[in-house]
N, C-alpha and C. Protein backbone atom coordinates (compact mmCIF):
# COMPACT_ATOMS: atom_id res chain seq x y z
N UNK A 1 169.70 80.93 131.44
CA UNK A 1 168.37 80.49 131.79
C UNK A 1 167.37 81.27 130.96
N UNK A 2 166.30 80.56 130.57
CA UNK A 2 165.25 81.19 129.77
C UNK A 2 163.91 80.98 130.46
N UNK A 3 163.23 82.03 130.69
CA UNK A 3 161.90 82.05 131.29
C UNK A 3 161.87 81.26 132.60
N UNK A 4 162.28 81.92 133.63
CA UNK A 4 162.24 81.34 134.97
C UNK A 4 160.86 81.61 135.55
N UNK A 5 160.07 80.56 135.77
CA UNK A 5 158.70 80.77 136.20
C UNK A 5 158.49 80.66 137.69
N UNK A 6 159.47 80.12 138.40
CA UNK A 6 159.30 79.97 139.84
C UNK A 6 160.67 79.90 140.50
N UNK A 7 160.78 80.55 141.65
CA UNK A 7 162.00 80.53 142.44
C UNK A 7 161.63 80.12 143.86
N UNK A 8 162.39 79.19 144.44
CA UNK A 8 162.13 78.69 145.78
C UNK A 8 163.42 78.76 146.59
N UNK A 9 163.33 79.21 147.83
CA UNK A 9 164.48 79.26 148.72
C UNK A 9 164.29 78.23 149.82
N UNK A 10 165.33 77.42 150.07
CA UNK A 10 165.23 76.47 151.18
C UNK A 10 165.77 77.12 152.46
N UNK A 11 165.73 76.37 153.55
CA UNK A 11 166.12 76.92 154.85
C UNK A 11 167.61 77.26 154.94
N UNK A 12 168.42 76.68 154.05
CA UNK A 12 169.86 76.96 154.02
C UNK A 12 170.20 78.15 153.12
N UNK A 13 169.17 78.72 152.47
CA UNK A 13 169.40 79.85 151.59
C UNK A 13 169.71 79.47 150.16
N UNK A 14 169.68 78.17 149.84
CA UNK A 14 169.88 77.74 148.46
C UNK A 14 168.66 78.15 147.64
N UNK A 15 168.88 78.42 146.37
CA UNK A 15 167.82 78.88 145.48
C UNK A 15 167.55 77.79 144.45
N UNK A 16 166.28 77.46 144.25
CA UNK A 16 165.86 76.48 143.25
C UNK A 16 165.02 77.23 142.21
N UNK A 17 165.34 77.00 140.94
CA UNK A 17 164.71 77.76 139.87
C UNK A 17 164.10 76.81 138.85
N UNK A 18 162.84 77.06 138.51
CA UNK A 18 162.20 76.34 137.41
C UNK A 18 162.61 77.07 136.12
N UNK A 19 163.56 76.50 135.40
CA UNK A 19 164.08 77.06 134.15
C UNK A 19 163.22 76.48 133.03
N UNK A 20 162.06 77.05 132.85
CA UNK A 20 160.97 76.45 132.09
C UNK A 20 161.32 76.12 130.65
N UNK A 21 161.80 77.07 129.88
CA UNK A 21 162.04 76.82 128.46
C UNK A 21 163.28 75.99 128.18
N UNK A 22 164.14 75.85 129.18
CA UNK A 22 165.29 74.95 129.03
C UNK A 22 164.99 73.55 129.56
N UNK A 23 163.76 73.32 130.04
CA UNK A 23 163.32 72.01 130.52
C UNK A 23 164.18 71.49 131.66
N UNK A 24 164.58 72.39 132.57
CA UNK A 24 165.46 72.01 133.66
C UNK A 24 165.06 72.67 134.97
N UNK A 25 165.56 72.11 136.07
CA UNK A 25 165.46 72.73 137.38
C UNK A 25 166.89 73.01 137.82
N UNK A 26 167.15 74.24 138.25
CA UNK A 26 168.50 74.66 138.64
C UNK A 26 168.56 74.90 140.15
N UNK A 27 169.74 74.75 140.69
CA UNK A 27 169.98 75.06 142.10
C UNK A 27 171.18 75.99 142.18
N UNK A 28 171.02 77.08 142.92
CA UNK A 28 172.15 77.96 143.22
C UNK A 28 172.50 77.73 144.68
N UNK A 29 173.68 77.19 144.92
CA UNK A 29 174.13 76.89 146.28
C UNK A 29 174.52 78.20 146.96
N UNK A 30 173.89 78.46 148.11
CA UNK A 30 174.09 79.73 148.81
C UNK A 30 175.54 79.98 149.18
N UNK A 31 176.24 78.96 149.63
CA UNK A 31 177.60 79.15 150.13
C UNK A 31 178.63 79.40 149.03
N UNK A 32 178.34 78.97 147.80
CA UNK A 32 179.32 79.10 146.72
C UNK A 32 178.85 79.96 145.55
N UNK A 33 177.53 80.08 145.40
CA UNK A 33 176.99 80.80 144.25
C UNK A 33 177.01 79.99 142.97
N UNK A 34 177.38 78.71 143.07
CA UNK A 34 177.45 77.84 141.90
C UNK A 34 176.05 77.39 141.48
N UNK A 35 175.80 77.44 140.17
CA UNK A 35 174.53 76.99 139.61
C UNK A 35 174.71 75.58 139.08
N UNK A 36 173.86 74.66 139.54
CA UNK A 36 173.86 73.28 139.06
C UNK A 36 172.49 72.93 138.50
N UNK A 37 172.48 72.04 137.51
CA UNK A 37 171.23 71.46 137.05
C UNK A 37 170.94 70.26 137.93
N UNK A 38 169.77 70.24 138.58
CA UNK A 38 169.45 69.11 139.46
C UNK A 38 168.38 68.21 138.86
N UNK A 39 167.69 68.69 137.82
CA UNK A 39 166.69 67.85 137.16
C UNK A 39 166.47 68.37 135.74
N UNK A 40 166.17 67.44 134.87
CA UNK A 40 165.87 67.78 133.48
C UNK A 40 167.07 67.60 132.58
N UNK A 41 166.84 66.93 131.47
CA UNK A 41 167.89 66.69 130.51
C UNK A 41 168.00 67.75 129.45
N UNK A 42 167.10 68.74 129.48
CA UNK A 42 167.17 69.82 128.52
C UNK A 42 166.31 69.63 127.30
N UNK A 43 165.78 68.46 127.12
CA UNK A 43 164.91 68.18 125.98
C UNK A 43 163.59 67.65 126.47
N UNK A 44 162.59 67.78 125.62
CA UNK A 44 161.31 67.15 125.91
C UNK A 44 160.90 66.38 124.67
N UNK A 45 160.71 65.12 124.83
CA UNK A 45 160.30 64.24 123.74
C UNK A 45 159.18 63.37 124.26
N UNK A 46 157.95 63.64 123.82
CA UNK A 46 156.81 62.91 124.33
C UNK A 46 156.94 61.40 124.13
N UNK A 47 157.60 60.99 123.06
CA UNK A 47 157.77 59.57 122.78
C UNK A 47 158.65 58.90 123.84
N UNK A 48 159.51 59.67 124.48
CA UNK A 48 160.42 59.12 125.48
C UNK A 48 160.07 59.61 126.87
N UNK A 49 158.83 60.03 127.07
CA UNK A 49 158.43 60.63 128.34
C UNK A 49 158.24 59.58 129.42
N UNK A 50 159.35 59.06 129.91
CA UNK A 50 159.32 58.12 131.02
C UNK A 50 160.38 58.57 132.01
N UNK A 51 159.91 59.11 133.13
CA UNK A 51 160.87 59.63 134.11
C UNK A 51 160.97 58.71 135.32
N UNK A 52 160.48 57.49 135.21
CA UNK A 52 160.58 56.55 136.32
C UNK A 52 161.95 55.88 136.30
N UNK A 53 162.59 55.85 137.45
CA UNK A 53 163.86 55.15 137.65
C UNK A 53 164.97 55.62 136.72
N UNK A 54 165.01 56.93 136.45
CA UNK A 54 166.13 57.51 135.71
C UNK A 54 166.74 58.61 136.57
N UNK A 55 167.99 58.93 136.30
CA UNK A 55 168.62 60.03 137.02
C UNK A 55 167.84 61.31 136.78
N UNK A 56 167.70 62.12 137.81
CA UNK A 56 166.92 63.36 137.70
C UNK A 56 167.44 64.24 136.56
N UNK A 57 168.75 64.26 136.35
CA UNK A 57 169.32 65.11 135.31
C UNK A 57 169.13 64.54 133.91
N UNK A 58 168.62 63.32 133.81
CA UNK A 58 168.31 62.72 132.51
C UNK A 58 166.81 62.72 132.22
N UNK A 59 166.02 63.10 133.19
CA UNK A 59 164.56 63.04 133.04
C UNK A 59 164.08 64.05 132.00
N UNK A 60 163.07 63.66 131.25
CA UNK A 60 162.43 64.58 130.32
C UNK A 60 161.38 65.37 131.09
N UNK A 61 161.57 66.68 131.18
CA UNK A 61 160.62 67.54 131.86
C UNK A 61 159.98 68.46 130.83
N UNK A 62 158.67 68.52 130.82
CA UNK A 62 157.96 69.41 129.91
C UNK A 62 157.62 70.70 130.64
N UNK A 63 158.44 71.69 130.47
CA UNK A 63 158.21 73.02 131.02
C UNK A 63 157.99 73.01 132.52
N UNK A 64 159.02 72.69 133.30
CA UNK A 64 158.85 72.75 134.75
C UNK A 64 158.45 74.16 135.16
N UNK A 65 157.41 74.27 135.99
CA UNK A 65 156.89 75.59 136.30
C UNK A 65 156.91 75.93 137.79
N UNK A 66 156.95 74.93 138.67
CA UNK A 66 156.98 75.17 140.10
C UNK A 66 157.93 74.16 140.75
N UNK A 67 158.74 74.64 141.69
CA UNK A 67 159.64 73.79 142.45
C UNK A 67 159.29 73.96 143.92
N UNK A 68 159.23 72.86 144.66
CA UNK A 68 158.94 72.93 146.09
C UNK A 68 159.72 71.85 146.82
N UNK A 69 159.94 72.09 148.10
CA UNK A 69 160.60 71.12 148.97
C UNK A 69 159.76 70.99 150.21
N UNK A 70 159.45 69.74 150.59
CA UNK A 70 158.64 69.55 151.80
C UNK A 70 159.52 69.51 153.04
N UNK A 71 158.90 69.37 154.19
CA UNK A 71 159.63 69.44 155.46
C UNK A 71 160.64 68.31 155.64
N UNK A 72 160.50 67.21 154.89
CA UNK A 72 161.46 66.12 155.00
C UNK A 72 162.59 66.23 153.98
N UNK A 73 162.56 67.28 153.15
CA UNK A 73 163.62 67.51 152.18
C UNK A 73 163.37 66.92 150.81
N UNK A 74 162.18 66.34 150.58
CA UNK A 74 161.86 65.82 149.25
C UNK A 74 161.58 66.97 148.30
N UNK A 75 162.07 66.85 147.09
CA UNK A 75 161.87 67.87 146.07
C UNK A 75 160.71 67.48 145.17
N UNK A 76 159.92 68.46 144.80
CA UNK A 76 158.80 68.23 143.89
C UNK A 76 158.86 69.25 142.77
N UNK A 77 158.54 68.80 141.55
CA UNK A 77 158.52 69.67 140.39
C UNK A 77 157.17 69.54 139.72
N UNK A 78 156.50 70.66 139.53
CA UNK A 78 155.23 70.65 138.81
C UNK A 78 155.51 71.10 137.38
N UNK A 79 155.04 70.32 136.44
CA UNK A 79 155.24 70.65 135.03
C UNK A 79 154.07 71.47 134.52
N UNK A 80 154.29 72.16 133.43
CA UNK A 80 153.28 73.04 132.87
C UNK A 80 151.96 72.33 132.64
N UNK A 81 152.01 71.06 132.30
CA UNK A 81 150.78 70.30 132.04
C UNK A 81 150.23 69.68 133.32
N UNK A 82 150.67 70.19 134.46
CA UNK A 82 150.14 69.83 135.78
C UNK A 82 150.52 68.44 136.27
N UNK A 83 151.55 67.85 135.72
CA UNK A 83 152.09 66.62 136.28
C UNK A 83 153.01 67.00 137.43
N UNK A 84 153.07 66.19 138.46
CA UNK A 84 153.97 66.47 139.57
C UNK A 84 154.96 65.32 139.69
N UNK A 85 156.23 65.64 139.74
CA UNK A 85 157.29 64.64 139.89
C UNK A 85 157.94 64.81 141.25
N UNK A 86 158.24 63.71 141.88
CA UNK A 86 158.99 63.73 143.13
C UNK A 86 160.41 63.30 142.80
N UNK A 87 161.37 64.07 143.25
CA UNK A 87 162.77 63.77 143.01
C UNK A 87 163.40 63.34 144.31
N UNK A 88 164.18 62.29 144.28
CA UNK A 88 164.83 61.82 145.50
C UNK A 88 166.33 61.91 145.37
N UNK A 89 167.01 61.93 146.48
CA UNK A 89 168.47 61.93 146.55
C UNK A 89 169.10 63.12 145.86
N UNK A 90 168.54 64.29 146.11
CA UNK A 90 169.13 65.51 145.56
C UNK A 90 169.77 66.25 146.72
N UNK A 91 170.99 66.69 146.53
CA UNK A 91 171.69 67.44 147.57
C UNK A 91 171.54 68.92 147.33
């Protein structure tokens, strides 16, 4: 991971990390310690910046800087340029 700008803990103790320079959001599962990429394809290409109706792990994220989860379990990612993405169906 390169330049982690935000860390969020959910109620189960899982850790969510904004891995900013790798253009990804990571999750460390509390029970296993396994790190998974839950959002971001690792590249940012403004010409292909369409994150609607694509898998979260294929989405182009420009420097994710904040990760949050609301009370209903929806995930939100704030990008460096202040765009906010809502991610659905993430375990």
